[in-house]
């Protein structure tokens, strides 16, 4: 297999940003204060070691560890040590456990090649609409610590919503003044955000949260207040505005910046959970729009077998699923 694949591993089953971010789409993540204990075996150190050993067999270009919050994983450093030397490693963290902690930041820098932090705006009013914790303060502290004796790539992840879309040009100016190596701007994935809410409808608290957040998610994703057939999960007008950021930010001149739309399905970027399932981030199952398409399982198949499967090839080679550029032209 050519060494050009990236695996984004959802290694962290918990998150310490509570309540969760408005557009969070992870159904199975346990949040602070949640006493439930799901998937103990899948999230055990032994299973994570098993996955790391399996990934080392695939000659990957990069393994990204996300979640949830990967810094909450009890044997994270062991996993990173296992992967090191076999592939480049990158950690996506909300930064809360790194806040004002130079020793922990240095340990992370010593064990990974890249670190990415989330932020959607330097405007506190905008940011509070999207993330519940003090994201700006955490970002400023952690990013400053990471820049000291810089020896890893530093990145930022931003979710484009109606709340911050008009502010992104100003946000870009602020990021440039601080310095960064890469910045990804993602079109909000309303379908997966809805699916997370649907999964919790069996409780009174979940039902009330559903009633409270559905209108907010629709607003952030640029969806009309009333459900329109054929336009339930995505506003193409909003997607076009997100795509226009490429021109506004002159991304052809600054190749550190990448706009990622829901129809961007690169062949070399796959997602993995602790059950060993290989998935696409924004791809929805034809049988259930609230689920991701699963292409295979690394515990039972080689990665080259998975990416050669009919399900996977139909997705990446389907001429009708071309990037939104064509529709926006």
Protein backbone atom coordinates (compact mmCIF):
# COMPACT_ATOMS: atom_id res chain seq x y z
CA UNK A 1 0.00 0.00 0.00
CA UNK A 2 1.40 3.46 -0.86
CA UNK A 3 2.27 5.46 2.24
CA UNK A 4 -0.17 8.32 1.63
CA UNK A 5 -3.15 7.60 3.85
CA UNK A 6 -4.24 9.54 6.91
CA UNK A 7 -6.35 7.93 9.63
CA UNK A 8 -8.31 10.19 11.98
CA UNK A 9 -8.77 8.03 15.06
CA UNK A 10 -11.59 8.97 17.45
CA UNK A 11 -9.60 7.64 20.40
CA UNK A 12 -11.15 9.78 23.14
CA UNK A 13 -14.50 8.53 24.45
CA UNK A 14 -14.94 11.45 26.85
CA UNK A 15 -14.96 15.24 26.62
CA UNK A 16 -14.27 17.74 29.39
CA UNK A 17 -16.04 20.67 27.70
CA UNK A 18 -19.40 20.58 29.44
CA UNK A 19 -22.02 21.23 28.28
CA UNK A 20 -20.90 20.11 24.86
CA UNK A 21 -20.36 22.52 21.97
CA UNK A 22 -23.51 23.55 20.13
CA UNK A 23 -22.60 21.76 16.90
CA UNK A 24 -21.06 18.65 18.50
CA UNK A 25 -21.99 15.55 16.49
CA UNK A 26 -20.53 12.67 18.50
CA UNK A 27 -23.30 10.39 19.76
CA UNK A 28 -21.27 8.08 22.00
CA UNK A 29 -18.99 10.56 23.76
CA UNK A 30 -19.35 10.73 27.53
CA UNK A 31 -19.22 14.21 28.99
CA UNK A 32 -18.08 15.45 32.40
CA UNK A 33 -20.66 14.61 35.05
CA UNK A 34 -22.07 11.70 33.04
CA UNK A 35 -21.84 8.60 35.27
CA UNK A 36 -22.62 6.21 32.43
CA UNK A 37 -19.92 3.73 31.43
CA UNK A 38 -20.26 2.85 27.76
CA UNK A 39 -17.97 0.67 25.69
CA UNK A 40 -15.56 -0.10 28.54
CA UNK A 41 -13.87 -2.88 26.59
CA UNK A 42 -13.53 -0.84 23.39
CA UNK A 43 -12.00 2.08 25.28
CA UNK A 44 -9.68 -0.05 27.41
CA UNK A 45 -5.88 0.43 27.22
CA UNK A 46 -5.56 -3.12 25.87
CA UNK A 47 -7.90 -2.39 22.94
CA UNK A 48 -6.17 0.93 22.17
CA UNK A 49 -2.82 -0.86 22.09
CA UNK A 50 -4.36 -3.41 19.74
CA UNK A 51 -5.49 -0.64 17.39
CA UNK A 52 -2.10 1.08 17.50
CA UNK A 53 -0.33 -2.16 16.59
CA UNK A 54 -2.76 -2.66 13.72
CA UNK A 55 -2.25 0.88 12.41
CA UNK A 56 1.51 0.36 12.41
CA UNK A 57 1.03 -2.44 9.90
CA UNK A 58 -0.53 -0.08 7.35
CA UNK A 59 2.44 2.24 6.59
CA UNK A 60 0.28 5.34 7.08
CA UNK A 61 1.47 8.85 6.40
CA UNK A 62 -0.27 10.29 9.47
CA UNK A 63 -2.46 9.27 12.40
CA UNK A 64 -4.61 11.99 13.96
CA UNK A 65 -5.92 11.38 17.47
CA UNK A 66 -9.17 13.11 18.29
CA UNK A 67 -12.35 12.50 20.21
CA UNK A 68 -13.87 13.60 22.51
CA UNK A 69 -10.74 14.81 24.23
CA UNK A 70 -7.72 12.58 23.57
CA UNK A 71 -5.79 13.97 26.56
CA UNK A 72 -8.31 12.20 28.80
CA UNK A 73 -7.21 8.79 27.47
CA UNK A 74 -5.38 7.01 30.29
CA UNK A 75 -2.67 5.43 28.11
CA UNK A 76 -2.38 8.19 25.48
CA UNK A 77 1.37 8.53 25.95
CA UNK A 78 1.83 4.78 25.52
CA UNK A 79 -0.19 4.85 22.29
CA UNK A 80 1.77 7.82 20.94
CA UNK A 81 5.03 6.06 21.78
CA UNK A 82 3.85 2.96 19.91
CA UNK A 83 2.96 4.99 16.81
CA UNK A 84 6.09 7.11 16.82
CA UNK A 85 8.60 6.03 14.21
CA UNK A 86 5.88 4.35 12.15
CA UNK A 87 3.87 7.42 11.15
CA UNK A 88 3.50 11.14 11.76
CA UNK A 89 1.18 11.84 14.70
CA UNK A 90 -1.20 14.72 15.32
CA UNK A 91 -3.44 15.49 18.31
CA UNK A 92 -6.67 17.48 18.17
CA UNK A 93 -7.35 18.87 21.63
CA UNK A 94 -9.66 21.53 23.07
CA UNK A 95 -6.68 22.65 25.16
CA UNK A 96 -8.45 22.69 28.53
CA UNK A 97 -5.96 20.25 30.11
CA UNK A 98 -3.05 22.26 28.67
CA UNK A 99 -4.26 25.63 29.99
CA UNK A 100 -1.44 27.45 31.83
CA UNK A 101 0.49 24.18 32.07
CA UNK A 102 3.86 24.49 30.31
CA UNK A 103 5.08 21.08 31.55
CA UNK A 104 2.11 19.26 30.01
CA UNK A 105 2.43 21.30 26.81
CA UNK A 106 6.12 20.39 26.56
CA UNK A 107 5.31 16.70 27.07
CA UNK A 108 2.79 16.83 24.24
CA UNK A 109 5.25 18.63 21.96
CA UNK A 110 7.83 15.94 22.69
CA UNK A 111 5.45 13.16 21.64
CA UNK A 112 3.67 14.43 18.50
CA UNK A 113 4.43 16.10 15.18
CA UNK A 114 1.35 18.37 15.03
CA UNK A 115 -1.15 19.87 17.45
CA UNK A 116 -4.48 21.46 16.48
CA UNK A 117 -6.72 23.63 18.65
CA UNK A 118 -10.34 24.65 17.99
CA UNK A 119 -11.47 28.26 17.74
CA UNK A 120 -14.21 29.93 15.73
CA UNK A 121 -13.72 33.63 16.47
CA UNK A 122 -11.77 36.09 18.63
CA UNK A 123 -15.08 37.86 19.28
CA UNK A 124 -16.35 36.63 22.70
CA UNK A 125 -20.02 37.17 21.81
CA UNK A 126 -19.68 35.01 18.70
CA UNK A 127 -17.56 32.36 20.37
CA UNK A 128 -19.98 31.91 23.28
CA UNK A 129 -22.73 30.95 20.83
CA UNK A 130 -20.68 27.96 19.68
CA UNK A 131 -18.51 26.64 22.51
CA UNK A 132 -19.54 26.66 26.17
CA UNK A 133 -16.13 26.85 27.81
CA UNK A 134 -13.83 29.90 27.75
CA UNK A 135 -12.37 28.89 24.41
CA UNK A 136 -10.64 32.18 23.58
CA UNK A 137 -8.80 32.36 26.90
CA UNK A 138 -7.78 28.70 26.65
CA UNK A 139 -6.62 29.15 23.04
CA UNK A 140 -4.55 32.25 23.79
CA UNK A 141 -2.83 30.58 26.74
CA UNK A 142 -2.13 27.24 25.10
CA UNK A 143 -1.13 28.66 21.72
CA UNK A 144 1.35 30.95 23.45
CA UNK A 145 2.84 28.00 25.36
CA UNK A 146 3.08 25.97 22.16
CA UNK A 147 4.95 28.77 20.40
CA UNK A 148 7.67 28.75 23.05
CA UNK A 149 10.52 26.60 21.79
CA UNK A 150 8.31 25.67 18.83
CA UNK A 151 9.03 22.18 17.54
CA UNK A 152 5.66 20.96 16.30
CA UNK A 153 3.22 22.09 13.62
CA UNK A 154 0.46 24.27 15.08
CA UNK A 155 -3.02 24.26 13.57
CA UNK A 156 -6.47 25.72 14.12
CA UNK A 157 -9.86 24.16 13.34
CA UNK A 158 -12.89 26.36 12.78
CA UNK A 159 -16.51 25.42 12.12
CA UNK A 160 -18.17 27.82 9.70
CA UNK A 161 -21.68 28.76 10.85
CA UNK A 162 -24.05 31.66 10.32
CA UNK A 163 -22.79 33.04 13.65
CA UNK A 164 -19.16 33.49 12.57
CA UNK A 165 -19.17 33.48 8.76
CA UNK A 166 -19.05 37.26 8.40
CA UNK A 167 -16.33 37.47 11.07
CA UNK A 168 -13.91 34.97 9.55
CA UNK A 169 -11.91 37.58 7.60
CA UNK A 170 -11.21 39.46 10.84
CA UNK A 171 -10.48 36.17 12.56
CA UNK A 172 -7.95 35.38 9.83
CA UNK A 173 -6.12 38.64 10.50
CA UNK A 174 -5.85 37.73 14.17
CA UNK A 175 -4.56 34.26 13.39
CA UNK A 176 -1.93 35.59 10.99
CA UNK A 177 -0.62 37.94 13.66
CA UNK A 178 -0.12 35.00 16.03
CA UNK A 179 1.33 32.60 13.49
CA UNK A 180 0.12 29.12 12.51
CA UNK A 181 1.06 26.24 10.21
CA UNK A 182 -2.41 25.16 9.05
CA UNK A 183 -6.01 26.29 9.43
CA UNK A 184 -9.03 24.19 8.40
CA UNK A 185 -12.49 25.74 8.09
CA UNK A 186 -15.28 23.16 8.09
CA UNK A 187 -18.80 23.63 6.80
CA UNK A 188 -21.08 22.81 9.72
CA UNK A 189 -22.43 19.26 9.54
CA UNK A 190 -26.06 19.69 10.60
CA UNK A 191 -27.05 16.11 9.77
CA UNK A 192 -24.62 14.60 12.26
CA UNK A 193 -25.47 17.25 14.86
CA UNK A 194 -29.15 16.28 14.51
CA UNK A 195 -28.30 12.58 14.71
CA UNK A 196 -26.55 13.11 18.05
CA UNK A 197 -29.72 14.72 19.44
CA UNK A 198 -31.95 11.99 18.02
CA UNK A 199 -29.87 9.36 19.82
CA UNK A 200 -30.80 10.88 23.21
CA UNK A 201 -34.58 11.17 22.71
CA UNK A 202 -35.26 8.26 25.06
CA UNK A 203 -34.81 10.49 28.14
CA UNK A 204 -36.77 13.55 29.30
CA UNK A 205 -33.54 15.56 29.48
CA UNK A 206 -32.57 14.45 25.97
CA UNK A 207 -36.01 15.31 24.61
CA UNK A 208 -35.92 18.79 26.15
CA UNK A 209 -32.41 19.32 24.79
CA UNK A 210 -33.65 18.22 21.37
CA UNK A 211 -36.47 20.79 21.43
CA UNK A 212 -34.04 23.47 22.58
CA UNK A 213 -31.17 22.82 20.19
CA UNK A 214 -32.85 21.83 16.92
CA UNK A 215 -33.87 25.41 16.04
CA UNK A 216 -30.40 26.62 17.04
CA UNK A 217 -28.63 24.03 14.90
CA UNK A 218 -30.86 24.85 11.94
CA UNK A 219 -30.03 28.52 12.34
CA UNK A 220 -26.26 27.93 12.61
CA UNK A 221 -26.30 25.72 9.51
CA UNK A 222 -28.24 28.29 7.49
CA UNK A 223 -31.28 26.02 7.19
CA UNK A 224 -34.77 27.50 6.86
CA UNK A 225 -36.99 27.46 9.93
CA UNK A 226 -39.41 25.11 8.21
CA UNK A 227 -38.15 21.76 6.88
CA UNK A 228 -38.04 21.76 3.08
CA UNK A 229 -38.09 18.43 1.25
CA UNK A 230 -34.72 17.74 -0.32
CA UNK A 231 -33.07 20.38 1.84
CA UNK A 232 -33.40 18.87 5.32
CA UNK A 233 -29.74 18.76 6.33
CA UNK A 234 -27.91 21.29 4.18
CA UNK A 235 -28.44 24.75 2.80
CA UNK A 236 -26.72 25.04 -0.56
CA UNK A 237 -26.87 28.79 -0.29
CA UNK A 238 -24.92 28.59 2.97
CA UNK A 239 -22.50 26.05 1.47
CA UNK A 240 -21.85 28.46 -1.40
CA UNK A 241 -21.08 31.22 1.10
CA UNK A 242 -18.63 28.93 2.92
CA UNK A 243 -16.97 28.08 -0.38
CA UNK A 244 -16.65 31.80 -1.15
CA UNK A 245 -14.25 32.00 1.78
CA UNK A 246 -11.61 30.55 -0.52
CA UNK A 247 -11.75 33.74 -2.55
CA UNK A 248 -12.22 36.08 0.41
CA UNK A 249 -9.24 34.65 2.26
CA UNK A 250 -7.19 34.23 -0.94
CA UNK A 251 -6.42 30.64 -0.05
CA UNK A 252 -4.57 30.20 -3.34
CA UNK A 253 -1.96 32.58 -1.93
CA UNK A 254 -2.00 31.18 1.59
CA UNK A 255 -1.95 27.44 1.20
CA UNK A 256 -1.97 26.97 4.97
CA UNK A 257 -5.74 27.63 4.80
CA UNK A 258 -8.19 24.96 3.61
CA UNK A 259 -11.97 25.16 3.35
CA UNK A 260 -13.61 21.74 3.84
CA UNK A 261 -17.15 21.22 2.54
CA UNK A 262 -19.50 18.32 3.22
CA UNK A 263 -18.88 16.94 -0.26
CA UNK A 264 -15.11 16.84 0.16
CA UNK A 265 -14.27 13.14 0.39
CA UNK A 266 -10.51 12.75 -0.16
CA UNK A 267 -9.45 9.19 -0.84
CA UNK A 268 -6.45 9.54 1.43
CA UNK A 269 -8.34 10.60 4.59
CA UNK A 270 -10.33 8.06 6.61
CA UNK A 271 -11.92 7.96 10.05
CA UNK A 272 -11.62 5.23 12.66
CA UNK A 273 -13.41 4.51 15.95
CA UNK A 274 -12.40 2.26 18.84
CA UNK A 275 -14.47 -0.59 17.43
CA UNK A 276 -12.07 -0.66 14.47
CA UNK A 277 -14.67 0.68 12.03
CA UNK A 278 -13.41 2.78 9.12
CA UNK A 279 -15.78 5.57 8.11
CA UNK A 280 -16.21 8.81 6.19
CA UNK A 281 -16.69 11.96 8.26
CA UNK A 282 -19.65 13.54 6.51
CA UNK A 283 -20.87 10.61 4.47
CA UNK A 284 -24.30 9.39 5.48
CA UNK A 285 -25.50 5.84 5.17
CA UNK A 286 -28.03 5.31 2.35
CA UNK A 287 -30.14 3.34 4.83
CA UNK A 288 -30.07 5.87 7.66
CA UNK A 289 -29.05 9.51 7.21
CA UNK A 290 -28.24 9.74 10.93
CA UNK A 291 -25.38 7.25 10.58
CA UNK A 292 -22.00 7.42 8.92
CA UNK A 293 -21.13 5.03 6.15
CA UNK A 294 -18.87 2.24 7.48
CA UNK A 295 -16.49 0.88 4.84
CA UNK A 296 -14.93 -1.93 6.84
CA UNK A 297 -13.13 -2.94 10.03
CA UNK A 298 -9.35 -3.00 10.55
CA UNK A 299 -9.63 -5.92 12.97
CA UNK A 300 -10.91 -8.17 10.21
CA UNK A 301 -9.61 -6.54 7.01
CA UNK A 302 -6.47 -4.94 5.67
CA UNK A 303 -6.78 -1.26 4.87
CA UNK A 304 -6.10 -1.81 1.18
CA UNK A 305 -9.00 -4.29 1.14
CA UNK A 306 -11.28 -1.70 2.76
CA UNK A 307 -10.41 1.10 0.32
CA UNK A 308 -10.84 -1.30 -2.57
CA UNK A 309 -14.35 -2.26 -1.45
CA UNK A 310 -17.33 -1.52 -3.64
CA UNK A 311 -18.89 0.73 -0.97
CA UNK A 312 -15.77 2.90 -0.76
CA UNK A 313 -15.09 3.07 -4.49
CA UNK A 314 -18.71 4.03 -5.21
CA UNK A 315 -18.33 7.02 -2.90
CA UNK A 316 -14.99 8.39 -4.05
CA UNK A 317 -15.54 7.68 -7.76
CA UNK A 318 -19.17 8.76 -8.05
CA UNK A 319 -19.18 11.57 -10.62
CA UNK A 320 -22.42 12.95 -9.14
CA UNK A 321 -20.68 13.61 -5.82
CA UNK A 322 -18.20 16.13 -7.21
CA UNK A 323 -17.13 18.97 -4.96
CA UNK A 324 -19.54 21.85 -4.59
CA UNK A 325 -17.23 24.02 -6.73
CA UNK A 326 -18.98 22.67 -9.81
CA UNK A 327 -22.42 23.68 -8.55
CA UNK A 328 -21.18 27.07 -7.42
CA UNK A 329 -19.49 27.91 -10.74
